[in-house]
Protein backbone atom coordinates (compact mmCIF):
# COMPACT_ATOMS: atom_id res chain seq x y z
CA MET A 1 99.87 57.06 61.59
CA THR A 2 98.04 54.15 59.96
CA SER A 3 94.69 55.02 61.54
CA VAL A 4 95.09 58.62 60.43
CA ASP A 5 95.66 57.53 56.81
CA ILE A 6 92.67 55.16 56.68
CA LYS A 7 89.95 57.52 57.93
CA PRO A 8 90.17 59.98 54.98
CA LYS A 9 89.86 57.07 52.47
CA GLN A 10 86.79 55.77 54.26
CA ALA A 11 85.34 59.24 54.31
CA GLN A 12 85.99 59.62 50.57
CA ALA A 13 84.31 56.31 49.80
CA SER A 14 81.34 57.20 51.95
CA SER A 15 81.09 60.61 50.32
CA GLY A 16 81.17 59.09 46.82
CA LYS A 17 78.37 56.66 47.65
CA ALA A 18 76.30 59.47 49.14
CA GLY A 19 76.79 61.51 45.95
CA TRP A 20 75.46 58.71 43.77
CA VAL A 21 72.53 58.18 46.12
CA HIS A 22 71.66 61.88 45.97
CA PHE A 23 71.93 61.87 42.17
CA ALA A 24 69.67 58.83 41.88
CA MET A 25 67.14 60.42 44.22
CA ALA A 26 67.18 63.61 42.15
CA VAL A 27 66.50 61.65 38.97
CA VAL A 28 63.59 59.83 40.62
CA VAL A 29 62.14 63.10 41.92
CA LEU A 30 62.42 64.72 38.48
CA LEU A 31 60.69 61.78 36.82
CA ALA A 32 57.95 61.85 39.40
CA LEU A 33 57.48 65.57 38.93
CA THR A 34 57.29 65.13 35.14
CA VAL A 35 54.69 62.38 35.32
CA GLY A 36 52.81 64.26 37.99
CA TRP A 37 52.82 67.49 35.99
CA ASN A 38 51.38 65.77 32.93
CA ALA A 39 48.73 64.13 35.08
CA VAL A 40 47.86 67.46 36.68
CA MET A 41 47.61 69.14 33.26
CA ARG A 42 45.25 66.40 32.04
CA GLY A 43 43.22 66.65 35.22
CA LEU A 44 42.76 70.37 34.67
CA GLY A 45 41.66 69.80 31.09
CA TYR A 46 44.83 71.31 29.61
CA ILE A 47 46.03 69.85 26.30
CA ILE A 48 49.64 70.09 25.18
CA ARG A 49 49.65 67.63 22.27
CA LYS A 50 47.69 69.05 19.32
CA GLU A 51 45.70 66.92 16.89
CA PRO A 52 44.77 67.62 13.23
CA VAL A 53 41.55 69.06 11.86
CA PRO A 54 40.58 67.25 8.62
CA TRP A 55 40.03 69.35 5.54
CA PRO A 56 36.52 69.25 4.02
CA ALA A 57 35.49 66.08 2.17
CA GLY A 58 35.25 67.81 -1.22
CA VAL A 59 38.83 69.06 -1.13
CA THR A 60 41.42 67.19 -3.20
CA VAL A 61 45.19 67.17 -2.61
CA ASP A 62 47.80 65.51 -4.83
CA THR A 63 49.27 62.59 -2.92
CA LYS A 64 52.74 63.10 -4.41
CA THR A 65 53.16 66.89 -4.49
CA PHE A 66 50.76 67.83 -1.66
CA GLN A 67 49.24 70.53 -3.86
CA ASN A 68 45.61 71.47 -3.48
CA THR A 69 43.89 70.60 -6.77
CA SER A 70 40.27 71.51 -6.00
CA LEU A 71 40.37 75.32 -5.79
CA PRO A 72 38.48 76.47 -8.92
CA GLU A 73 40.52 77.44 -11.97
CA LYS A 74 38.04 80.26 -12.66
CA ILE A 75 36.92 82.52 -9.80
CA GLY A 76 34.72 85.36 -10.99
CA PRO A 77 36.71 87.35 -13.57
CA TYR A 78 39.99 85.69 -12.52
CA GLU A 79 41.25 82.72 -14.54
CA LEU A 80 44.10 80.34 -13.82
CA VAL A 81 47.19 81.05 -15.95
CA GLU A 82 49.78 78.79 -14.36
CA GLU A 83 50.09 76.20 -11.60
CA LEU A 84 53.45 76.50 -9.87
CA GLU A 85 55.12 73.66 -7.97
CA HIS A 86 57.57 74.10 -5.12
CA LYS A 87 60.87 72.23 -5.21
CA PRO A 88 61.58 69.59 -2.53
CA ASP A 89 63.95 71.86 -0.58
CA VAL A 90 61.29 74.59 -0.42
CA LEU A 91 58.67 72.09 0.75
CA GLU A 92 61.09 70.92 3.42
CA THR A 93 61.44 74.50 4.64
CA LEU A 94 57.66 74.90 4.58
CA LYS A 95 57.25 71.60 6.49
CA ILE A 96 54.85 70.28 3.86
CA GLY A 97 55.07 66.78 2.37
CA THR A 98 56.73 65.23 5.42
CA PRO A 99 56.47 61.50 6.24
CA LEU A 100 53.73 62.46 8.71
CA ASP A 101 51.82 64.18 5.88
CA ALA A 102 52.22 61.05 3.77
CA ARG A 103 50.55 58.99 6.51
CA ARG A 104 47.76 61.49 7.05
CA ILE A 105 46.79 62.49 3.52
CA LYS A 106 44.36 59.61 2.92
CA VAL A 107 42.29 60.70 5.92
CA ARG A 108 42.44 64.41 4.92
CA GLN A 109 44.73 65.39 7.78
CA SER A 110 47.94 66.41 5.98
CA ASN A 111 49.41 69.83 5.35
CA TRP A 112 49.06 71.13 1.78
CA TYR A 113 49.76 74.15 -0.40
CA LEU A 114 48.90 75.81 -3.67
CA PHE A 115 50.85 78.41 -5.63
CA ARG A 116 49.06 79.79 -8.68
CA LYS A 117 49.02 82.66 -11.13
CA TYR A 118 45.61 84.09 -11.98
CA ALA A 119 44.72 86.73 -14.57
CA ASP A 120 42.00 89.36 -14.23
CA THR A 121 40.33 89.02 -17.63
CA ARG A 122 38.86 92.51 -17.36
CA GLU A 123 42.31 94.11 -17.40
CA ASP A 124 44.43 94.85 -20.46
CA GLU A 125 47.33 92.48 -21.02
CA HIS A 126 49.80 95.26 -20.21
CA SER A 127 48.01 96.36 -17.03
CA PRO A 128 50.02 95.95 -13.80
CA TYR A 129 46.79 94.74 -12.20
CA ARG A 130 46.10 91.89 -14.64
CA ASN A 131 48.20 89.12 -13.07
CA TRP A 132 48.00 87.95 -9.46
CA MET A 133 50.06 85.39 -7.61
CA LEU A 134 48.15 83.38 -4.99
CA ASP A 135 50.03 81.36 -2.36
CA VAL A 136 48.00 79.36 0.16
CA VAL A 137 49.44 77.02 2.82
CA PHE A 138 47.43 74.81 5.17
CA TYR A 139 48.81 73.37 8.43
CA THR A 140 46.97 71.11 10.81
CA GLY A 141 47.93 69.48 14.08
CA GLY A 142 51.46 70.01 15.33
CA GLU A 143 52.82 73.05 13.43
CA THR A 144 52.35 75.94 15.86
CA THR A 145 55.39 78.16 15.22
CA VAL A 146 53.99 80.00 12.16
CA PRO A 147 57.49 80.36 10.67
CA HIS A 148 56.85 82.18 7.38
CA VAL A 149 55.38 85.67 7.04
CA PRO A 150 56.30 88.31 4.42
CA ASP A 151 57.43 90.72 7.14
CA ILE A 152 60.40 88.44 7.83
CA CYS A 153 60.92 86.53 4.59
CA ILE A 154 60.96 89.59 2.30
CA VAL A 155 63.57 91.38 4.38
CA ALA A 156 65.61 88.16 4.65
CA GLY A 157 65.53 88.04 0.84
CA GLY A 158 67.26 91.39 0.57
CA ALA A 159 64.32 93.80 0.22
CA LYS A 160 63.80 96.87 2.38
CA SER A 161 60.49 97.29 4.18
CA THR A 162 58.90 100.67 3.41
CA GLY A 163 55.70 100.39 5.44
CA SER A 164 52.53 98.40 5.98
CA GLU A 165 48.79 98.94 6.00
CA TYR A 166 45.70 97.10 7.26
CA ILE A 167 42.86 96.95 4.75
CA PRO A 168 39.31 96.25 6.02
CA MET A 169 37.05 93.92 4.07
CA GLU A 170 34.30 91.31 4.53
CA CYS A 171 32.86 88.32 2.65
CA PRO A 172 29.04 88.50 2.63
CA GLY A 173 27.51 85.07 2.26
CA SER A 174 30.47 83.32 3.89
CA PRO A 175 30.04 81.58 7.26
CA ALA A 176 30.59 83.59 10.46
CA PRO A 177 32.82 85.30 11.38
CA TRP A 178 33.90 85.95 7.77
CA ASN A 179 30.64 87.72 6.96
CA GLU A 180 31.68 90.54 9.30
CA GLU A 181 34.49 93.05 8.84
CA PHE A 182 38.07 91.79 9.18
CA LYS A 183 41.43 92.92 7.81
CA ILE A 184 44.14 91.90 5.41
CA LYS A 185 47.69 93.22 5.77
CA GLY A 186 49.60 94.93 2.97
CA LEU A 187 53.39 95.02 3.28
CA TYR A 188 55.29 97.48 1.09
CA TYR A 189 58.94 96.88 0.29
CA GLU A 190 61.64 98.28 -1.96
CA ARG A 191 63.87 96.40 -4.37
CA ALA A 192 66.52 97.48 -6.83
CA ASP A 193 67.71 96.22 -10.21
CA ALA A 194 69.58 97.57 -13.23
CA THR A 195 66.78 100.05 -13.92
CA GLY A 196 66.82 101.49 -10.40
CA GLN A 197 64.72 101.20 -7.25
CA TYR A 198 61.06 100.30 -7.25
CA GLU A 199 58.34 99.46 -4.72
CA GLN A 200 56.20 96.34 -4.54
CA VAL A 201 53.54 95.08 -2.14
CA GLN A 202 52.42 91.72 -0.78
CA TYR A 203 49.18 91.05 1.04
CA TYR A 204 48.27 88.29 3.47
CA LEU A 205 45.92 87.07 6.19
CA PHE A 206 45.51 83.97 8.32
CA ASP A 207 42.63 81.64 9.00
CA VAL A 208 43.28 80.17 12.45
CA ASN A 209 40.72 77.64 13.67
CA GLY A 210 38.15 79.31 11.41
CA GLN A 211 38.89 82.86 12.59
CA PRO A 212 40.47 85.71 10.53
CA GLU A 213 43.77 87.07 11.83
CA VAL A 214 46.74 89.15 10.61
CA SER A 215 49.09 88.85 13.61
CA ARG A 216 51.50 85.93 13.65
CA GLU A 217 51.81 86.25 17.44
CA LYS A 218 48.04 85.96 17.92
CA VAL A 219 47.95 82.96 15.60
CA ARG A 220 50.59 81.27 17.76
CA LEU A 221 48.60 81.99 20.91
CA ALA A 222 45.46 80.51 19.36
CA LEU A 223 47.32 77.38 18.24
CA THR A 224 48.89 76.78 21.65
CA ASN A 225 45.65 77.34 23.57
CA LEU A 226 45.81 74.70 26.31
CA ARG A 227 42.06 74.18 26.13
CA ARG A 228 42.10 73.11 22.45
CA ARG A 229 43.07 69.67 21.21
CA HIS A 230 42.38 70.10 17.46
CA VAL A 231 43.97 73.08 15.67
CA PHE A 232 44.74 74.30 12.16
CA TYR A 233 45.78 77.45 10.41
CA ALA A 234 46.09 78.59 6.82
CA LYS A 235 47.81 81.60 5.30
CA ALA A 236 46.65 83.23 2.07
CA GLN A 237 49.35 85.43 0.55
CA PHE A 238 48.86 87.27 -2.75
CA TYR A 239 50.55 89.95 -4.80
CA MET A 240 51.05 91.55 -8.21
CA PRO A 241 54.42 90.66 -9.75
CA TYR A 242 54.96 94.28 -10.84
CA PRO A 243 56.09 97.57 -9.29
CA VAL A 244 53.49 99.64 -7.47
CA THR A 245 53.12 103.29 -8.41
CA ASP A 246 49.86 104.03 -6.60
CA ARG A 247 49.41 102.38 -3.20
CA GLN A 248 45.76 103.31 -2.87
CA GLN A 249 44.84 101.84 -6.25
CA ALA A 250 46.91 98.71 -5.60
CA ASN A 251 45.12 98.17 -2.28
CA ALA A 252 41.72 98.58 -3.93
CA LYS A 253 42.63 96.00 -6.59
CA ALA A 254 43.98 93.61 -3.94
CA LYS A 255 40.81 93.92 -1.88
CA GLU A 256 38.72 93.16 -4.97
CA PHE A 257 40.85 90.10 -5.76
CA MET A 258 40.34 88.76 -2.24
CA GLU A 259 36.62 89.53 -2.25
CA TYR A 260 36.30 87.08 -5.15
CA CYS A 261 38.89 84.51 -4.09
CA LEU A 262 38.54 84.26 -0.32
CA PRO A 263 35.05 82.66 -0.32
CA ALA A 264 36.44 79.96 -2.65
CA ILE A 265 39.52 79.51 -0.44
CA LEU A 266 37.38 79.19 2.70
CA LYS A 267 35.55 76.25 1.11
CA GLU A 268 38.90 74.43 0.99
CA LEU A 269 39.44 74.92 4.74
CA PRO A 270 37.75 73.63 7.89
CA SER A 271 35.26 76.05 9.45
CA GLN A 272 35.00 77.33 12.98
CA ALA A 273 32.01 74.99 13.39
CA ASP A 274 34.20 72.04 12.34
CA VAL A 275 36.79 72.90 14.98
CA ASP A 276 34.15 73.40 17.67
CA ARG A 277 32.55 70.07 16.75
CA LEU A 278 35.90 68.29 17.15
CA GLN A 279 36.49 70.09 20.42
CA GLU A 280 33.23 68.65 21.73
CA HIS A 281 33.17 65.19 20.17
CA GLY A 282 36.69 64.46 18.88
CA LEU A 283 37.66 62.65 15.67
CA ASP A 284 35.66 59.71 14.36
CA PRO A 285 37.71 56.64 15.38
CA LYS A 286 37.26 55.28 11.84
CA THR A 287 39.10 58.24 10.32
CA ALA A 288 41.47 59.15 13.12
CA ASN A 289 45.11 58.52 12.22
CA HIS A 290 47.13 57.76 15.32
CA GLU A 291 50.88 58.07 15.00
């Protein structure tokens, strides 16, 4: 009877040791695979970690608020009326002004934003097309999720989407590919207040690595391109703070606003040539900011 009782205990002990050995081997194999995978990716020229693209040397950004301060206050017939500042909780949501931005801002590699109200001085003070809100955000390096687009944020804020439209335009005199035809997106939505329901519209487009784009999904693909080390994107969003009664006229006015403003905005952003240069030569070690 004694020998019968002992054998199961020995078997249990042996089985327990074998289980720990197998677990340890699995951990070792997983670590080896991880290190090997990263090495293989590097060997193939694939880049997972993204690095920033510095903004142009003439651009200025407030070191405390991370607001762009160099976009002209007067752009053609449009004059600055008001500079708006986001609250800290909004900046946190936008992922602007982070500790990483604080470390990068001196070498022009931080995220930044601007939120301004411009007035078309040609329009009457009571014209719905006189005032324009301009919201520009710039992200460089690690932000690749493209979290905020009007299509999602407006609906999340309680409005009802009533349609969208793509408006062709171009910016003659701007660097390629902006001197050729591209599109901005107009998103119509419906709100309601004490006076009843009314329609408004917001317009936007992206600059991703120096290329125009209106699809958030395509922006994400461009930012996660495994062949690119240095990436950036910016979003320019603009709108009239009044109801829209004539979509066609509103679109024409929006296109005109962007025809004046976009060349000035592009001067605040890296160009496609800047990104290509970094892709070939990398950052200057004197200005590179390693985390």
